[in-house]
Each structure stands twice: as C-alpha cells, then as structure tokens.
Amino acid sequence: MRELLRTTDPVRLSFLTALLRDASIEPLMLDVYVSAVEGSIGAFPKRLMVDEEDYDRAIRLLVDAGEYW
C-alpha cells in the first residue's frame, strides 16, 4: 500500500474515494478510528491509501482532477 495523501477534510476524502472507485481503484482510508477516539474534532488527518500497482494511475487521476499538488 502507498499513501496518496493525508487530510482532515471529510468532504475531500469522500470525493477522492468516489473518484478512485469510479476508476476501478479501491482505496483504503487509515487513521479513521484515531479520529473517533479523539472526539471527531478533525485534529488528526486520515490517510488515503491505494495498492502499489494502482499508485501511478491514482496519482495521474488526482492530478487530472486538480486534487494533487
């Protein structure tokens, strides 16, 4: 697994997850439970991960969508 990005923005995570799934890339979100433990105040970023073989295609997809810098 490789990390695409870290963010505390749940809307962005939802959008990027849908974007990746539409391209047949199944993402994994890490650190979701840390957020729940800290009271869901958004202080800890969540990590969006993809399989190693999907990483290059996922990065291109995010760049094309203007979501990766």
PDB file of N, CA and C in Angstrom:
ATOM      1  N   MET A   1       0.844  -1.185   0.000  1.00  0.00           N
ATOM      2  CA  MET A   1       0.000   0.000   0.000  1.00  0.00           C
ATOM      3  C   MET A   1       0.882   1.237   0.000  1.00  0.00           C
ATOM      4  N   ARG A   2       0.409   2.266  -0.704  1.00  0.00           N
ATOM      5  CA  ARG A   2       1.114   3.546  -0.710  1.00  0.00           C
ATOM      6  C   ARG A   2       0.133   4.666  -0.393  1.00  0.00           C
ATOM      7  N   GLU A   3       0.639   5.661   0.264  1.00  0.00           N
ATOM      8  CA  GLU A   3      -0.181   6.799   0.668  1.00  0.00           C
ATOM      9  C   GLU A   3      -0.323   7.787  -0.478  1.00  0.00           C
ATOM     10  N   LEU A   4      -1.564   8.164  -0.771  1.00  0.00           N
ATOM     11  CA  LEU A   4      -1.823   9.207  -1.758  1.00  0.00           C
ATOM     12  C   LEU A   4      -1.791  10.578  -1.101  1.00  0.00           C
ATOM     13  N   LEU A   5      -2.462  10.699   0.035  1.00  0.00           N
ATOM     14  CA  LEU A   5      -2.493  11.979   0.730  1.00  0.00           C
ATOM     15  C   LEU A   5      -3.012  11.821   2.135  1.00  0.00           C
ATOM     16  N   ARG A   6      -2.831  12.892   2.927  1.00  0.00           N
ATOM     17  CA  ARG A   6      -3.379  12.996   4.289  1.00  0.00           C
ATOM     18  C   ARG A   6      -4.202  14.271   4.341  1.00  0.00           C
ATOM     19  N   THR A   7      -5.360  14.164   4.960  1.00  0.00           N
ATOM     20  CA  THR A   7      -6.200  15.352   5.101  1.00  0.00           C
ATOM     21  C   THR A   7      -7.178  15.169   6.253  1.00  0.00           C
ATOM     22  N   THR A   8      -7.638  16.291   6.775  1.00  0.00           N
ATOM     23  CA  THR A   8      -8.693  16.280   7.790  1.00  0.00           C
ATOM     24  C   THR A   8     -10.044  16.648   7.182  1.00  0.00           C
ATOM     25  N   ASP A   9     -10.082  16.858   5.879  1.00  0.00           N
ATOM     26  CA  ASP A   9     -11.293  17.289   5.181  1.00  0.00           C
ATOM     27  C   ASP A   9     -12.138  16.078   4.766  1.00  0.00           C
ATOM     28  N   PRO A  10     -13.242  15.811   5.464  1.00  0.00           N
ATOM     29  CA  PRO A  10     -14.051  14.633   5.138  1.00  0.00           C
ATOM     30  C   PRO A  10     -14.726  14.728   3.769  1.00  0.00           C
ATOM     31  N   VAL A  11     -15.045  15.920   3.320  1.00  0.00           N
ATOM     32  CA  VAL A  11     -15.669  16.086   2.009  1.00  0.00           C
ATOM     33  C   VAL A  11     -14.674  15.722   0.909  1.00  0.00           C
ATOM     34  N   ARG A  12     -13.444  16.188   1.051  1.00  0.00           N
ATOM     35  CA  ARG A  12     -12.401  15.865   0.064  1.00  0.00           C
ATOM     36  C   ARG A  12     -12.139  14.358   0.042  1.00  0.00           C
ATOM     37  N   LEU A  13     -12.068  13.740   1.205  1.00  0.00           N
ATOM     38  CA  LEU A  13     -11.856  12.293   1.262  1.00  0.00           C
ATOM     39  C   LEU A  13     -12.990  11.530   0.572  1.00  0.00           C
ATOM     40  N   SER A  14     -14.200  11.956   0.796  1.00  0.00           N
ATOM     41  CA  SER A  14     -15.347  11.312   0.171  1.00  0.00           C
ATOM     42  C   SER A  14     -15.293  11.461  -1.349  1.00  0.00           C
ATOM     43  N   PHE A  15     -14.984  12.667  -1.821  1.00  0.00           N
ATOM     44  CA  PHE A  15     -14.879  12.925  -3.261  1.00  0.00           C
ATOM     45  C   PHE A  15     -13.784  12.075  -3.885  1.00  0.00           C
ATOM     46  N   LEU A  16     -12.602  12.055  -3.263  1.00  0.00           N
ATOM     47  CA  LEU A  16     -11.474  11.313  -3.825  1.00  0.00           C
ATOM     48  C   LEU A  16     -11.720   9.812  -3.794  1.00  0.00           C
ATOM     49  N   THR A  17     -12.375   9.331  -2.758  1.00  0.00           N
ATOM     50  CA  THR A  17     -12.722   7.916  -2.691  1.00  0.00           C
ATOM     51  C   THR A  17     -13.651   7.548  -3.839  1.00  0.00           C
ATOM     52  N   ALA A  18     -14.661   8.366  -4.090  1.00  0.00           N
ATOM     53  CA  ALA A  18     -15.588   8.120  -5.200  1.00  0.00           C
ATOM     54  C   ALA A  18     -14.864   8.201  -6.541  1.00  0.00           C
ATOM     55  N   LEU A  19     -13.989   9.170  -6.702  1.00  0.00           N
ATOM     56  CA  LEU A  19     -13.221   9.334  -7.939  1.00  0.00           C
ATOM     57  C   LEU A  19     -12.372   8.095  -8.215  1.00  0.00           C
ATOM     58  N   LEU A  20     -11.694   7.613  -7.201  1.00  0.00           N
ATOM     59  CA  LEU A  20     -10.849   6.430  -7.363  1.00  0.00           C
ATOM     60  C   LEU A  20     -11.684   5.184  -7.656  1.00  0.00           C
ATOM     61  N   ARG A  21     -12.769   5.020  -6.940  1.00  0.00           N
ATOM     62  CA  ARG A  21     -13.621   3.845  -7.172  1.00  0.00           C
ATOM     63  C   ARG A  21     -14.224   3.858  -8.567  1.00  0.00           C
ATOM     64  N   ASP A  22     -14.586   5.033  -9.070  1.00  0.00           N
ATOM     65  CA  ASP A  22     -15.096   5.141 -10.441  1.00  0.00           C
ATOM     66  C   ASP A  22     -14.064   4.691 -11.465  1.00  0.00           C
ATOM     67  N   ALA A  23     -12.790   4.803 -11.113  1.00  0.00           N
ATOM     68  CA  ALA A  23     -11.698   4.374 -11.994  1.00  0.00           C
ATOM     69  C   ALA A  23     -11.260   2.939 -11.669  1.00  0.00           C
ATOM     70  N   SER A  24     -12.065   2.218 -10.911  1.00  0.00           N
ATOM     71  CA  SER A  24     -11.781   0.831 -10.511  1.00  0.00           C
ATOM     72  C   SER A  24     -10.518   0.696  -9.669  1.00  0.00           C
ATOM     73  N   ILE A  25     -10.249   1.710  -8.861  1.00  0.00           N
ATOM     74  CA  ILE A  25      -9.163   1.672  -7.889  1.00  0.00           C
ATOM     75  C   ILE A  25      -9.821   1.668  -6.516  1.00  0.00           C
ATOM     76  N   GLU A  26      -9.543   0.641  -5.729  1.00  0.00           N
ATOM     77  CA  GLU A  26     -10.173   0.538  -4.412  1.00  0.00           C
ATOM     78  C   GLU A  26      -9.248   1.142  -3.353  1.00  0.00           C
ATOM     79  N   PRO A  27      -9.603   2.328  -2.840  1.00  0.00           N
ATOM     80  CA  PRO A  27      -8.762   2.963  -1.829  1.00  0.00           C
ATOM     81  C   PRO A  27      -9.037   2.402  -0.431  1.00  0.00           C
ATOM     82  N   LEU A  28      -8.097   2.662   0.442  1.00  0.00           N
ATOM     83  CA  LEU A  28      -8.228   2.300   1.848  1.00  0.00           C
ATOM     84  C   LEU A  28      -7.946   3.551   2.660  1.00  0.00           C
ATOM     85  N   MET A  29      -8.801   3.849   3.623  1.00  0.00           N
ATOM     86  CA  MET A  29      -8.589   5.010   4.470  1.00  0.00           C
ATOM     87  C   MET A  29      -8.069   4.544   5.828  1.00  0.00           C
ATOM     88  N   LEU A  30      -6.926   5.084   6.220  1.00  0.00           N
ATOM     89  CA  LEU A  30      -6.327   4.739   7.508  1.00  0.00           C
ATOM     90  C   LEU A  30      -6.488   5.881   8.499  1.00  0.00           C
ATOM     91  N   ASP A  31      -6.393   5.569   9.754  1.00  0.00           N
ATOM     92  CA  ASP A  31      -6.481   6.505  10.873  1.00  0.00           C
ATOM     93  C   ASP A  31      -7.899   7.003  11.112  1.00  0.00           C
ATOM     94  N   VAL A  32      -8.879   6.281  10.620  1.00  0.00           N
ATOM     95  CA  VAL A  32     -10.284   6.650  10.831  1.00  0.00           C
ATOM     96  C   VAL A  32     -10.645   6.517  12.304  1.00  0.00           C
ATOM     97  N   TYR A  33     -10.151   5.469  12.952  1.00  0.00           N
ATOM     98  CA  TYR A  33     -10.511   5.222  14.345  1.00  0.00           C
ATOM     99  C   TYR A  33      -9.810   6.171  15.308  1.00  0.00           C
ATOM    100  N   VAL A  34      -8.651   6.669  14.924  1.00  0.00           N
ATOM    101  CA  VAL A  34      -7.979   7.682  15.744  1.00  0.00           C
ATOM    102  C   VAL A  34      -8.872   8.913  15.826  1.00  0.00           C
ATOM    103  N   SER A  35      -9.470   9.260  14.713  1.00  0.00           N
ATOM    104  CA  SER A  35     -10.383  10.400  14.673  1.00  0.00           C
ATOM    105  C   SER A  35     -11.563  10.188  15.616  1.00  0.00           C
ATOM    106  N   ALA A  36     -12.091   8.978  15.658  1.00  0.00           N
ATOM    107  CA  ALA A  36     -13.227   8.688  16.538  1.00  0.00           C
ATOM    108  C   ALA A  36     -12.815   8.775  18.002  1.00  0.00           C
ATOM    109  N   VAL A  37     -11.621   8.301  18.314  1.00  0.00           N
ATOM    110  CA  VAL A  37     -11.140   8.314  19.698  1.00  0.00           C
ATOM    111  C   VAL A  37     -10.918   9.742  20.186  1.00  0.00           C
ATOM    112  N   GLU A  38     -10.423  10.619  19.300  1.00  0.00           N
ATOM    113  CA  GLU A  38     -10.135  11.990  19.716  1.00  0.00           C
ATOM    114  C   GLU A  38     -11.379  12.873  19.714  1.00  0.00           C
ATOM    115  N   GLY A  39     -12.529  12.286  19.481  1.00  0.00           N
ATOM    116  CA  GLY A  39     -13.774  13.029  19.599  1.00  0.00           C
ATOM    117  C   GLY A  39     -14.277  13.625  18.304  1.00  0.00           C
ATOM    118  N   SER A  40     -13.740  13.211  17.182  1.00  0.00           N
ATOM    119  CA  SER A  40     -14.164  13.677  15.855  1.00  0.00           C
ATOM    120  C   SER A  40     -14.070  15.185  15.696  1.00  0.00           C
ATOM    121  N   ILE A  41     -13.029  15.786  16.280  1.00  0.00           N
ATOM    122  CA  ILE A  41     -12.850  17.229  16.130  1.00  0.00           C
ATOM    123  C   ILE A  41     -12.004  17.566  14.907  1.00  0.00           C
ATOM    124  N   GLY A  42     -11.503  16.537  14.216  1.00  0.00           N
ATOM    125  CA  GLY A  42     -10.749  16.766  12.991  1.00  0.00           C
ATOM    126  C   GLY A  42      -9.310  17.174  13.204  1.00  0.00           C
ATOM    127  N   ALA A  43      -8.750  16.875  14.362  1.00  0.00           N
ATOM    128  CA  ALA A  43      -7.373  17.273  14.643  1.00  0.00           C
ATOM    129  C   ALA A  43      -6.358  16.334  14.000  1.00  0.00           C
ATOM    130  N   PHE A  44      -6.742  15.094  13.760  1.00  0.00           N
ATOM    131  CA  PHE A  44      -5.826  14.110  13.196  1.00  0.00           C
ATOM    132  C   PHE A  44      -6.203  13.810  11.751  1.00  0.00           C
ATOM    133  N   PRO A  45      -5.270  13.926  10.834  1.00  0.00           N
ATOM    134  CA  PRO A  45      -5.585  13.641   9.425  1.00  0.00           C
ATOM    135  C   PRO A  45      -5.758  12.150   9.176  1.00  0.00           C
ATOM    136  N   LYS A  46      -6.571  11.853   8.198  1.00  0.00           N
ATOM    137  CA  LYS A  46      -6.753  10.481   7.738  1.00  0.00           C
ATOM    138  C   LYS A  46      -5.868  10.296   6.503  1.00  0.00           C
ATOM    139  N   ARG A  47      -5.386   9.065   6.297  1.00  0.00           N
ATOM    140  CA  ARG A  47      -4.532   8.758   5.153  1.00  0.00           C
ATOM    141  C   ARG A  47      -5.324   7.975   4.119  1.00  0.00           C
ATOM    142  N   LEU A  48      -5.232   8.419   2.868  1.00  0.00           N
ATOM    143  CA  LEU A  48      -5.867   7.726   1.751  1.00  0.00           C
ATOM    144  C   LEU A  48      -4.792   6.891   1.062  1.00  0.00           C
ATOM    145  N   MET A  49      -5.004   5.581   1.026  1.00  0.00           N
ATOM    146  CA  MET A  49      -4.011   4.633   0.521  1.00  0.00           C
ATOM    147  C   MET A  49      -4.562   3.867  -0.676  1.00  0.00           C
ATOM    148  N   VAL A  50      -3.644   3.409  -1.544  1.00  0.00           N
ATOM    149  CA  VAL A  50      -4.013   2.524  -2.656  1.00  0.00           C
ATOM    150  C   VAL A  50      -2.946   1.438  -2.776  1.00  0.00           C
ATOM    151  N   ASP A  51      -3.282   0.373  -3.471  1.00  0.00           N
ATOM    152  CA  ASP A  51      -2.317  -0.690  -3.731  1.00  0.00           C
ATOM    153  C   ASP A  51      -1.151  -0.133  -4.546  1.00  0.00           C
ATOM    154  N   GLU A  52      -0.010  -0.719  -4.344  1.00  0.00           N
ATOM    155  CA  GLU A  52       1.208  -0.300  -5.043  1.00  0.00           C
ATOM    156  C   GLU A  52       1.003  -0.285  -6.562  1.00  0.00           C
ATOM    157  N   GLU A  53       0.344  -1.297  -7.094  1.00  0.00           N
ATOM    158  CA  GLU A  53       0.169  -1.374  -8.557  1.00  0.00           C
ATOM    159  C   GLU A  53      -0.791  -0.319  -9.102  1.00  0.00           C
ATOM    160  N   ASP A  54      -1.628   0.260  -8.248  1.00  0.00           N
ATOM    161  CA  ASP A  54      -2.570   1.306  -8.677  1.00  0.00           C
ATOM    162  C   ASP A  54      -2.049   2.719  -8.420  1.00  0.00           C
ATOM    163  N   TYR A  55      -0.917   2.836  -7.743  1.00  0.00           N
ATOM    164  CA  TYR A  55      -0.440   4.141  -7.275  1.00  0.00           C
ATOM    165  C   TYR A  55      -0.226   5.148  -8.410  1.00  0.00           C
ATOM    166  N   ASP A  56       0.523   4.795  -9.440  1.00  0.00           N
ATOM    167  CA  ASP A  56       0.807   5.746 -10.525  1.00  0.00           C
ATOM    168  C   ASP A  56      -0.471   6.207 -11.221  1.00  0.00           C
ATOM    169  N   ARG A  57      -1.367   5.276 -11.470  1.00  0.00           N
ATOM    170  CA  ARG A  57      -2.631   5.632 -12.115  1.00  0.00           C
ATOM    171  C   ARG A  57      -3.477   6.514 -11.200  1.00  0.00           C
ATOM    172  N   ALA A  58      -3.465   6.240  -9.905  1.00  0.00           N
ATOM    173  CA  ALA A  58      -4.222   7.045  -8.944  1.00  0.00           C
ATOM    174  C   ALA A  58      -3.673   8.468  -8.873  1.00  0.00           C
ATOM    175  N   ILE A  59      -2.354   8.610  -8.867  1.00  0.00           N
ATOM    176  CA  ILE A  59      -1.751   9.949  -8.849  1.00  0.00           C
ATOM    177  C   ILE A  59      -2.148  10.729 -10.098  1.00  0.00           C
ATOM    178  N   ARG A  60      -2.071  10.078 -11.267  1.00  0.00           N
ATOM    179  CA  ARG A  60      -2.471  10.763 -12.516  1.00  0.00           C
ATOM    180  C   ARG A  60      -3.931  11.202 -12.458  1.00  0.00           C
ATOM    181  N   LEU A  61      -4.773  10.347 -11.912  1.00  0.00           N
ATOM    182  CA  LEU A  61      -6.194  10.660 -11.788  1.00  0.00           C
ATOM    183  C   LEU A  61      -6.411  11.874 -10.886  1.00  0.00           C
ATOM    184  N   LEU A  62      -5.715  11.928  -9.759  1.00  0.00           N
ATOM    185  CA  LEU A  62      -5.843  13.058  -8.847  1.00  0.00           C
ATOM    186  C   LEU A  62      -5.284  14.335  -9.452  1.00  0.00           C
ATOM    187  N   VAL A  63      -4.184  14.224 -10.174  1.00  0.00           N
ATOM    188  CA  VAL A  63      -3.598  15.407 -10.837  1.00  0.00           C
ATOM    189  C   VAL A  63      -4.565  15.939 -11.891  1.00  0.00           C
ATOM    190  N   ASP A  64      -5.124  15.047 -12.698  1.00  0.00           N
ATOM    191  CA  ASP A  64      -6.084  15.460 -13.734  1.00  0.00           C
ATOM    192  C   ASP A  64      -7.322  16.124 -13.133  1.00  0.00           C
ATOM    193  N   ALA A  65      -7.700  15.699 -11.931  1.00  0.00           N
ATOM    194  CA  ALA A  65      -8.874  16.271 -11.266  1.00  0.00           C
ATOM    195  C   ALA A  65      -8.520  17.546 -10.485  1.00  0.00           C
ATOM    196  N   GLY A  66      -7.236  17.923 -10.492  1.00  0.00           N
ATOM    197  CA  GLY A  66      -6.810  19.120  -9.764  1.00  0.00           C
ATOM    198  C   GLY A  66      -6.764  18.918  -8.263  1.00  0.00           C
ATOM    199  N   GLU A  67      -6.633  17.682  -7.821  1.00  0.00           N
ATOM    200  CA  GLU A  67      -6.679  17.370  -6.395  1.00  0.00           C
ATOM    201  C   GLU A  67      -5.341  16.924  -5.835  1.00  0.00           C
ATOM    202  N   TYR A  68      -4.289  17.059  -6.592  1.00  0.00           N
ATOM    203  CA  TYR A  68      -2.967  16.639  -6.100  1.00  0.00           C
ATOM    204  C   TYR A  68      -1.954  17.695  -6.464  1.00  0.00           C
ATOM    205  N   TRP A  69      -1.171  18.136  -5.516  1.00  0.00           N
ATOM    206  CA  TRP A  69      -0.173  19.177  -5.775  1.00  0.00           C
ATOM    207  C   TRP A  69       1.097  18.879  -5.060  1.00  0.00           C
TER     208      TRP A  69
END
